[in-house]
Amino acid sequence: MRSRSLTGVLFALYLAVLTWIILFKMQTDWTVLTTGVRTVNLIPFAGALVTNGQANYQEVFLNLVAFVPFGLYLSLLEPRWPARKRLLPGFFTSLAYEVLQYAFALGRSDVTDLLSNTLGVLVGVGLYALLAKRLKEKTRPVLNAAALVCTVLALGFLGVLVGANR
């Protein structure tokens, strides 16, 4: 039970940081967020993805990577759910971020982000399946330990970034 609680706490921390990154663009000066960017792109792999007339796939890759932990955490918390059921919360969370960005003029809402975020969740679910097959009953402790180390490192890195930008 303690292991599941740790997973829940780490997932909550991950969601808080993900929200700060996606909605607030890692800003600590909230006045920057009043610029009011509000656009919608409904064409996959177009719009915001194109920079100076060329496709920039770095953002797609970063969005995918950012949502891999979502699939891992959800799989740790609900391992008996079928993969498609674990995919839905990630899809709807990503959709909520895109809608909130538009509603509050916090950035560009883009279907490419929705697709790459959801693909990241799928990669996380698949990675969990591979690890669970290999690690068996040690899956949760091993992934919790890795998540704890990564969370401490990420929070430390974010702390350095915030401190350096003050």
C-alpha atoms as a PDB file:
ATOM      1  CA  MET A   1       0.000   0.000   0.000  1.00  0.00           C
ATOM      2  CA  ARG A   2       2.874   2.411   0.798  1.00  0.00           C
ATOM      3  CA  SER A   3       4.273   1.804  -2.670  1.00  0.00           C
ATOM      4  CA  ARG A   4       0.939   2.733  -4.290  1.00  0.00           C
ATOM      5  CA  SER A   5       0.781   5.889  -2.144  1.00  0.00           C
ATOM      6  CA  LEU A   6       4.277   6.860  -3.288  1.00  0.00           C
ATOM      7  CA  THR A   7       3.174   6.343  -6.890  1.00  0.00           C
ATOM      8  CA  GLY A   8       0.172   8.615  -6.317  1.00  0.00           C
ATOM      9  CA  VAL A   9       2.300  11.368  -4.767  1.00  0.00           C
ATOM     10  CA  LEU A  10       4.865  11.169  -7.578  1.00  0.00           C
ATOM     11  CA  PHE A  11       2.069  11.257 -10.180  1.00  0.00           C
ATOM     12  CA  ALA A  12       0.577  14.356  -8.524  1.00  0.00           C
ATOM     13  CA  LEU A  13       3.996  16.081  -8.536  1.00  0.00           C
ATOM     14  CA  TYR A  14       4.466  15.128 -12.171  1.00  0.00           C
ATOM     15  CA  LEU A  15       1.051  16.583 -13.086  1.00  0.00           C
ATOM     16  CA  ALA A  16       1.822  19.818 -11.213  1.00  0.00           C
ATOM     17  CA  VAL A  17       5.127  20.253 -13.064  1.00  0.00           C
ATOM     18  CA  LEU A  18       3.522  19.272 -16.383  1.00  0.00           C
ATOM     19  CA  THR A  19       0.820  21.895 -15.845  1.00  0.00           C
ATOM     20  CA  TRP A  20       3.439  24.541 -15.025  1.00  0.00           C
ATOM     21  CA  ILE A  21       5.358  23.643 -18.189  1.00  0.00           C
ATOM     22  CA  ILE A  22       2.389  23.431 -20.576  1.00  0.00           C
ATOM     23  CA  LEU A  23       0.059  26.138 -19.320  1.00  0.00           C
ATOM     24  CA  PHE A  24       2.453  28.564 -17.672  1.00  0.00           C
ATOM     25  CA  LYS A  25       5.507  27.971 -19.893  1.00  0.00           C
ATOM     26  CA  MET A  26       7.702  27.585 -16.788  1.00  0.00           C
ATOM     27  CA  GLN A  27       7.176  31.267 -15.917  1.00  0.00           C
ATOM     28  CA  THR A  28       7.623  32.645 -12.447  1.00  0.00           C
ATOM     29  CA  ASP A  29       6.763  36.178 -13.550  1.00  0.00           C
ATOM     30  CA  TRP A  30       3.007  35.880 -14.060  1.00  0.00           C
ATOM     31  CA  THR A  31       2.756  39.229 -15.880  1.00  0.00           C
ATOM     32  CA  VAL A  32       4.411  37.568 -18.885  1.00  0.00           C
ATOM     33  CA  LEU A  33       1.305  35.405 -19.244  1.00  0.00           C
ATOM     34  CA  THR A  34      -0.930  38.388 -19.992  1.00  0.00           C
ATOM     35  CA  THR A  35       0.260  38.615 -23.606  1.00  0.00           C
ATOM     36  CA  GLY A  36      -2.886  36.799 -24.753  1.00  0.00           C
ATOM     37  CA  VAL A  37      -1.807  34.367 -27.481  1.00  0.00           C
ATOM     38  CA  ARG A  38      -4.893  32.510 -28.691  1.00  0.00           C
ATOM     39  CA  THR A  39      -4.712  30.373 -31.824  1.00  0.00           C
ATOM     40  CA  VAL A  40      -6.016  26.973 -32.858  1.00  0.00           C
ATOM     41  CA  ASN A  41      -4.468  24.625 -35.377  1.00  0.00           C
ATOM     42  CA  LEU A  42      -6.613  21.673 -36.417  1.00  0.00           C
ATOM     43  CA  ILE A  43      -4.291  20.414 -39.166  1.00  0.00           C
ATOM     44  CA  PRO A  44      -1.874  17.776 -37.854  1.00  0.00           C
ATOM     45  CA  PHE A  45       1.829  18.550 -38.300  1.00  0.00           C
ATOM     46  CA  ALA A  46       1.199  22.071 -39.622  1.00  0.00           C
ATOM     47  CA  GLY A  47       0.775  25.532 -38.146  1.00  0.00           C
ATOM     48  CA  ALA A  48       2.897  25.957 -35.006  1.00  0.00           C
ATOM     49  CA  LEU A  49       5.116  23.080 -36.113  1.00  0.00           C
ATOM     50  CA  VAL A  50       6.347  25.067 -39.123  1.00  0.00           C
ATOM     51  CA  THR A  51       9.158  27.522 -38.362  1.00  0.00           C
ATOM     52  CA  ASN A  52      10.592  29.663 -41.153  1.00  0.00           C
ATOM     53  CA  GLY A  53       8.869  27.478 -43.732  1.00  0.00           C
ATOM     54  CA  GLN A  54      10.350  24.225 -42.398  1.00  0.00           C
ATOM     55  CA  ALA A  55       8.910  21.554 -40.131  1.00  0.00           C
ATOM     56  CA  ASN A  56      10.395  21.501 -36.623  1.00  0.00           C
ATOM     57  CA  TYR A  57       9.809  18.068 -35.127  1.00  0.00           C
ATOM     58  CA  GLN A  58      11.634  18.848 -31.878  1.00  0.00           C
ATOM     59  CA  GLU A  59       8.401  20.086 -30.272  1.00  0.00           C
ATOM     60  CA  VAL A  60       6.591  16.891 -31.311  1.00  0.00           C
ATOM     61  CA  PHE A  61       9.356  14.785 -29.775  1.00  0.00           C
ATOM     62  CA  LEU A  62       9.432  16.843 -26.552  1.00  0.00           C
ATOM     63  CA  ASN A  63       5.635  16.595 -26.188  1.00  0.00           C
ATOM     64  CA  LEU A  64       5.829  12.839 -26.681  1.00  0.00           C
ATOM     65  CA  VAL A  65       8.599  12.479 -24.076  1.00  0.00           C
ATOM     66  CA  ALA A  66       6.755  14.727 -21.600  1.00  0.00           C
ATOM     67  CA  PHE A  67       3.746  12.374 -21.587  1.00  0.00           C
ATOM     68  CA  VAL A  68       5.585   9.023 -21.327  1.00  0.00           C
ATOM     69  CA  PRO A  69       5.549   9.255 -17.493  1.00  0.00           C
ATOM     70  CA  PHE A  70       1.759   9.740 -17.639  1.00  0.00           C
ATOM     71  CA  GLY A  71       1.402   6.298 -19.229  1.00  0.00           C
ATOM     72  CA  LEU A  72       3.858   4.762 -16.760  1.00  0.00           C
ATOM     73  CA  TYR A  73       2.191   6.268 -13.676  1.00  0.00           C
ATOM     74  CA  LEU A  74      -1.301   5.345 -14.817  1.00  0.00           C
ATOM     75  CA  SER A  75      -0.131   1.797 -15.522  1.00  0.00           C
ATOM     76  CA  LEU A  76       1.400   1.590 -12.055  1.00  0.00           C
ATOM     77  CA  LEU A  77      -1.804   2.848 -10.456  1.00  0.00           C
ATOM     78  CA  GLU A  78      -4.217   0.818 -12.601  1.00  0.00           C
ATOM     79  CA  PRO A  79      -2.296  -2.190 -13.983  1.00  0.00           C
ATOM     80  CA  ARG A  80      -5.456  -4.249 -14.531  1.00  0.00           C
ATOM     81  CA  TRP A  81      -7.033  -1.702 -16.890  1.00  0.00           C
ATOM     82  CA  PRO A  82      -6.692  -2.561 -20.569  1.00  0.00           C
ATOM     83  CA  ALA A  83      -4.202  -0.382 -22.463  1.00  0.00           C
ATOM     84  CA  ARG A  84      -6.911   1.580 -24.291  1.00  0.00           C
ATOM     85  CA  LYS A  85      -8.552   2.495 -20.973  1.00  0.00           C
ATOM     86  CA  ARG A  86      -5.185   3.762 -19.665  1.00  0.00           C
ATOM     87  CA  LEU A  87      -4.782   5.826 -22.836  1.00  0.00           C
ATOM     88  CA  LEU A  88      -8.030   7.786 -22.380  1.00  0.00           C
ATOM     89  CA  PRO A  89      -7.080   9.791 -19.248  1.00  0.00           C
ATOM     90  CA  GLY A  90      -3.893  10.904 -21.007  1.00  0.00           C
ATOM     91  CA  PHE A  91      -5.831  11.933 -24.120  1.00  0.00           C
ATOM     92  CA  PHE A  92      -8.398  13.872 -22.086  1.00  0.00           C
ATOM     93  CA  THR A  93      -5.714  15.519 -19.932  1.00  0.00           C
ATOM     94  CA  SER A  94      -3.909  16.656 -23.066  1.00  0.00           C
ATOM     95  CA  LEU A  95      -7.202  17.869 -24.555  1.00  0.00           C
ATOM     96  CA  ALA A  96      -7.913  19.800 -21.352  1.00  0.00           C
ATOM     97  CA  TYR A  97      -4.500  21.504 -21.576  1.00  0.00           C
ATOM     98  CA  GLU A  98      -5.183  22.525 -25.185  1.00  0.00           C
ATOM     99  CA  VAL A  99      -8.659  23.864 -24.337  1.00  0.00           C
ATOM    100  CA  LEU A 100      -7.325  25.766 -21.306  1.00  0.00           C
ATOM    101  CA  GLN A 101      -4.543  27.292 -23.397  1.00  0.00           C
ATOM    102  CA  TYR A 102      -7.146  28.607 -25.803  1.00  0.00           C
ATOM    103  CA  ALA A 103      -9.719  29.656 -23.190  1.00  0.00           C
ATOM    104  CA  PHE A 104      -7.239  31.667 -21.139  1.00  0.00           C
ATOM    105  CA  ALA A 105      -5.066  32.778 -24.086  1.00  0.00           C
ATOM    106  CA  LEU A 106      -2.057  30.996 -22.620  1.00  0.00           C
ATOM    107  CA  GLY A 107      -0.656  29.656 -25.864  1.00  0.00           C
ATOM    108  CA  ARG A 108      -1.342  27.931 -29.110  1.00  0.00           C
ATOM    109  CA  SER A 109      -3.836  25.068 -29.138  1.00  0.00           C
ATOM    110  CA  ASP A 110      -2.625  22.510 -31.627  1.00  0.00           C
ATOM    111  CA  VAL A 111      -3.961  19.107 -32.659  1.00  0.00           C
ATOM    112  CA  THR A 112      -0.341  18.015 -33.221  1.00  0.00           C
ATOM    113  CA  ASP A 113       0.286  18.498 -29.490  1.00  0.00           C
ATOM    114  CA  LEU A 114      -2.777  16.407 -28.692  1.00  0.00           C
ATOM    115  CA  LEU A 115      -1.559  13.620 -30.988  1.00  0.00           C
ATOM    116  CA  SER A 116       2.059  13.641 -29.773  1.00  0.00           C
ATOM    117  CA  ASN A 117       1.014  13.833 -26.105  1.00  0.00           C
ATOM    118  CA  THR A 118      -1.334  10.870 -26.549  1.00  0.00           C
ATOM    119  CA  LEU A 119       1.379   8.942 -28.371  1.00  0.00           C
ATOM    120  CA  GLY A 120       3.650   9.622 -25.383  1.00  0.00           C
ATOM    121  CA  VAL A 121       1.045   8.091 -23.055  1.00  0.00           C
ATOM    122  CA  LEU A 122       0.875   5.057 -25.352  1.00  0.00           C
ATOM    123  CA  VAL A 123       4.672   4.714 -25.261  1.00  0.00           C
ATOM    124  CA  GLY A 124       4.541   4.855 -21.445  1.00  0.00           C
ATOM    125  CA  VAL A 125       1.848   2.168 -21.317  1.00  0.00           C
ATOM    126  CA  GLY A 126       3.879   0.000 -23.703  1.00  0.00           C
ATOM    127  CA  LEU A 127       7.071   0.541 -21.724  1.00  0.00           C
ATOM    128  CA  TYR A 128       5.256  -0.491 -18.555  1.00  0.00           C
ATOM    129  CA  ALA A 129       4.026  -3.681 -20.278  1.00  0.00           C
ATOM    130  CA  LEU A 130       7.574  -4.567 -21.324  1.00  0.00           C
ATOM    131  CA  LEU A 131       8.987  -3.868 -17.862  1.00  0.00           C
ATOM    132  CA  ALA A 132       6.171  -5.733 -16.101  1.00  0.00           C
ATOM    133  CA  LYS A 133       6.843  -8.772 -18.257  1.00  0.00           C
ATOM    134  CA  ARG A 134      10.536  -8.629 -17.381  1.00  0.00           C
ATOM    135  CA  LEU A 135      10.427  -7.511 -13.724  1.00  0.00           C
ATOM    136  CA  LYS A 136       7.187  -9.231 -12.622  1.00  0.00           C
ATOM    137  CA  GLU A 137       6.357  -8.314  -8.984  1.00  0.00           C
ATOM    138  CA  LYS A 138       9.359  -5.962  -8.754  1.00  0.00           C
ATOM    139  CA  THR A 139       7.877  -3.612 -11.362  1.00  0.00           C
ATOM    140  CA  ARG A 140       6.302  -1.112  -8.946  1.00  0.00           C
ATOM    141  CA  PRO A 141       9.287  -0.819  -6.564  1.00  0.00           C
ATOM    142  CA  VAL A 142      11.763  -0.464  -9.420  1.00  0.00           C
ATOM    143  CA  LEU A 143       9.668   2.106 -11.298  1.00  0.00           C
ATOM    144  CA  ASN A 144       8.881   4.008  -8.089  1.00  0.00           C
ATOM    145  CA  ALA A 145      12.589   4.196  -7.249  1.00  0.00           C
ATOM    146  CA  ALA A 146      13.409   5.394 -10.772  1.00  0.00           C
ATOM    147  CA  ALA A 147      10.527   7.895 -10.675  1.00  0.00           C
ATOM    148  CA  LEU A 148      11.629   9.198  -7.279  1.00  0.00           C
ATOM    149  CA  VAL A 149      15.201   9.757  -8.506  1.00  0.00           C
ATOM    150  CA  CYS A 150      13.971  11.411 -11.717  1.00  0.00           C
ATOM    151  CA  THR A 151      11.516  13.595  -9.782  1.00  0.00           C
ATOM    152  CA  VAL A 152      14.207  14.789  -7.355  1.00  0.00           C
ATOM    153  CA  LEU A 153      16.578  15.517 -10.255  1.00  0.00           C
ATOM    154  CA  ALA A 154      13.865  17.289 -12.285  1.00  0.00           C
ATOM    155  CA  LEU A 155      12.741  19.411  -9.322  1.00  0.00           C
ATOM    156  CA  GLY A 156      16.365  20.281  -8.565  1.00  0.00           C
ATOM    157  CA  PHE A 157      16.931  21.263 -12.195  1.00  0.00           C
ATOM    158  CA  LEU A 158      13.750  23.361 -12.221  1.00  0.00           C
ATOM    159  CA  GLY A 159      14.853  24.992  -8.964  1.00  0.00           C
ATOM    160  CA  VAL A 160      18.187  25.939 -10.569  1.00  0.00           C
ATOM    161  CA  LEU A 161      16.355  27.333 -13.617  1.00  0.00           C
ATOM    162  CA  VAL A 162      13.998  29.399 -11.482  1.00  0.00           C
ATOM    163  CA  GLY A 163      16.864  30.657  -9.321  1.00  0.00           C
ATOM    164  CA  ALA A 164      18.990  31.569 -12.344  1.00  0.00           C
ATOM    165  CA  ASN A 165      16.122  33.487 -13.961  1.00  0.00           C
ATOM    166  CA  ARG A 166      15.266  35.685 -10.974  1.00  0.00           C
END
